Amino acid sequence: MSLERYEILLPLRYNDGTPVEPEKFQQTRRELIEKFGAITVEPQSIHGIWTHGGKEYADELIRFIIDIETSPEAEKFFKEFKELLKVRFQQIEIWITAYPIRLI
């Protein structure tokens, strides 16, 4: 069985600096648990700086981690989920990465 880790970075603040409502994180967590049965959340903030259209953005983010069996359906889900998250969190981009993992 092949496994993958999906990591989702979610912003704590909108691009205008106002805090994201806690309900949006709770809803996202619930949806992932319903779909995959488990999630790990790193609540400490991660800081990122990036540019878009000549403007610099500074982000505070939290990380959601989902370890699941590798499948084309999972990748399709995360591609579609990313678009939903971009709207929900009012973001130009949402960073979702996938890594192969081995359990020891």
Protein backbone atom coordinates (compact mmCIF):
# COMPACT_ATOMS: atom_id res chain seq x y z
CA MET A 1 0.00 0.00 0.00
CA SER A 2 1.37 3.39 -1.05
CA LEU A 3 0.73 6.42 1.20
CA GLU A 4 0.84 10.16 0.68
CA ARG A 5 0.84 13.13 3.03
CA TYR A 6 -1.14 16.17 1.94
CA GLU A 7 -0.31 19.45 3.66
CA ILE A 8 -2.59 22.46 3.39
CA LEU A 9 -1.43 25.90 4.49
CA LEU A 10 -4.35 28.09 5.56
CA PRO A 11 -4.07 31.81 6.31
CA LEU A 12 -4.96 33.19 9.73
CA ARG A 13 -5.68 36.59 8.15
CA TYR A 14 -7.24 37.77 4.94
CA ASN A 15 -5.03 39.75 2.56
CA ASP A 16 -6.43 43.00 4.02
CA GLY A 17 -5.16 41.96 7.48
CA THR A 18 -8.48 41.10 9.15
CA PRO A 19 -8.60 37.76 11.01
CA VAL A 20 -10.20 34.75 9.33
CA GLU A 21 -13.23 33.59 11.29
CA PRO A 22 -12.56 30.43 13.38
CA GLU A 23 -15.65 28.78 11.86
CA LYS A 24 -13.88 28.54 8.49
CA PHE A 25 -11.09 26.45 10.01
CA GLN A 26 -13.61 24.30 11.89
CA GLN A 27 -15.65 23.72 8.72
CA THR A 28 -12.53 22.78 6.76
CA ARG A 29 -11.39 20.40 9.51
CA ARG A 30 -14.83 18.76 9.67
CA GLU A 31 -14.94 18.27 5.89
CA LEU A 32 -11.51 16.61 5.86
CA ILE A 33 -12.34 14.34 8.81
CA GLU A 34 -15.62 13.31 7.16
CA LYS A 35 -13.78 12.52 3.92
CA PHE A 36 -10.63 10.82 5.27
CA GLY A 37 -11.37 9.92 8.90
CA ALA A 38 -8.43 11.78 10.46
CA ILE A 39 -6.43 15.00 10.36
CA THR A 40 -3.45 16.54 12.12
CA VAL A 41 -3.49 20.27 12.77
CA GLU A 42 -0.38 22.28 13.60
CA PRO A 43 -1.90 25.30 15.35
CA GLN A 44 1.34 27.25 15.79
CA SER A 45 1.64 29.85 13.07
CA ILE A 46 4.01 29.57 10.15
CA HIS A 47 5.18 32.80 8.53
CA GLY A 48 5.49 33.26 4.79
CA ILE A 49 6.28 36.19 2.52
CA TRP A 50 5.41 36.22 -1.17
CA THR A 51 4.74 38.63 -4.00
CA HIS A 52 1.95 38.85 -6.55
CA GLY A 53 1.44 41.56 -9.12
CA GLY A 54 4.30 43.60 -7.69
CA LYS A 55 2.78 43.62 -4.19
CA GLU A 56 4.36 41.89 -1.20
CA TYR A 57 2.19 39.84 1.17
CA ALA A 58 3.13 38.55 4.61
CA ASP A 59 1.13 35.54 5.77
CA GLU A 60 0.56 33.82 9.08
CA LEU A 61 -0.58 30.28 8.35
CA ILE A 62 -1.54 27.04 10.05
CA ARG A 63 -0.94 23.61 8.59
CA PHE A 64 -3.51 20.83 8.13
CA ILE A 65 -1.97 17.40 7.48
CA ILE A 66 -3.80 14.40 6.01
CA ASP A 67 -2.07 11.01 5.55
CA ILE A 68 -3.95 8.70 3.20
CA GLU A 69 -3.56 5.92 0.69
CA THR A 70 -2.35 7.16 -2.68
CA SER A 71 -5.08 7.29 -5.30
CA PRO A 72 -6.12 9.33 -8.34
CA GLU A 73 -9.38 10.08 -6.51
CA ALA A 74 -7.51 11.70 -3.60
CA GLU A 75 -5.52 13.95 -5.91
CA LYS A 76 -8.69 14.93 -7.77
CA PHE A 77 -10.39 15.71 -4.44
CA PHE A 78 -7.55 17.98 -3.31
CA LYS A 79 -7.42 19.84 -6.63
CA GLU A 80 -11.15 20.58 -6.34
CA PHE A 81 -10.93 21.29 -2.59
CA LYS A 82 -8.17 23.83 -3.26
CA GLU A 83 -10.53 25.88 -5.43
CA LEU A 84 -13.17 25.82 -2.68
CA LEU A 85 -10.57 26.91 -0.10
CA LYS A 86 -9.40 29.80 -2.28
CA VAL A 87 -12.96 31.15 -2.23
CA ARG A 88 -13.60 30.34 1.45
CA PHE A 89 -10.41 32.04 2.63
CA GLN A 90 -10.50 34.78 -0.06
CA GLN A 91 -7.02 33.94 -1.33
CA ILE A 92 -5.24 34.29 -4.66
CA GLU A 93 -3.60 30.93 -3.97
CA ILE A 94 -3.78 28.13 -1.40
CA TRP A 95 -0.70 25.97 -1.07
CA ILE A 96 -1.39 22.22 -0.98
CA THR A 97 1.56 19.87 -1.26
CA ALA A 98 1.75 16.08 -1.45
CA TYR A 99 4.62 13.85 -0.37
CA PRO A 100 5.09 10.09 -0.51
CA ILE A 101 5.44 8.66 2.99
CA ARG A 102 6.66 5.40 4.48
CA LEU A 103 5.46 4.08 7.81
CA ILE A 104 8.11 2.39 9.91
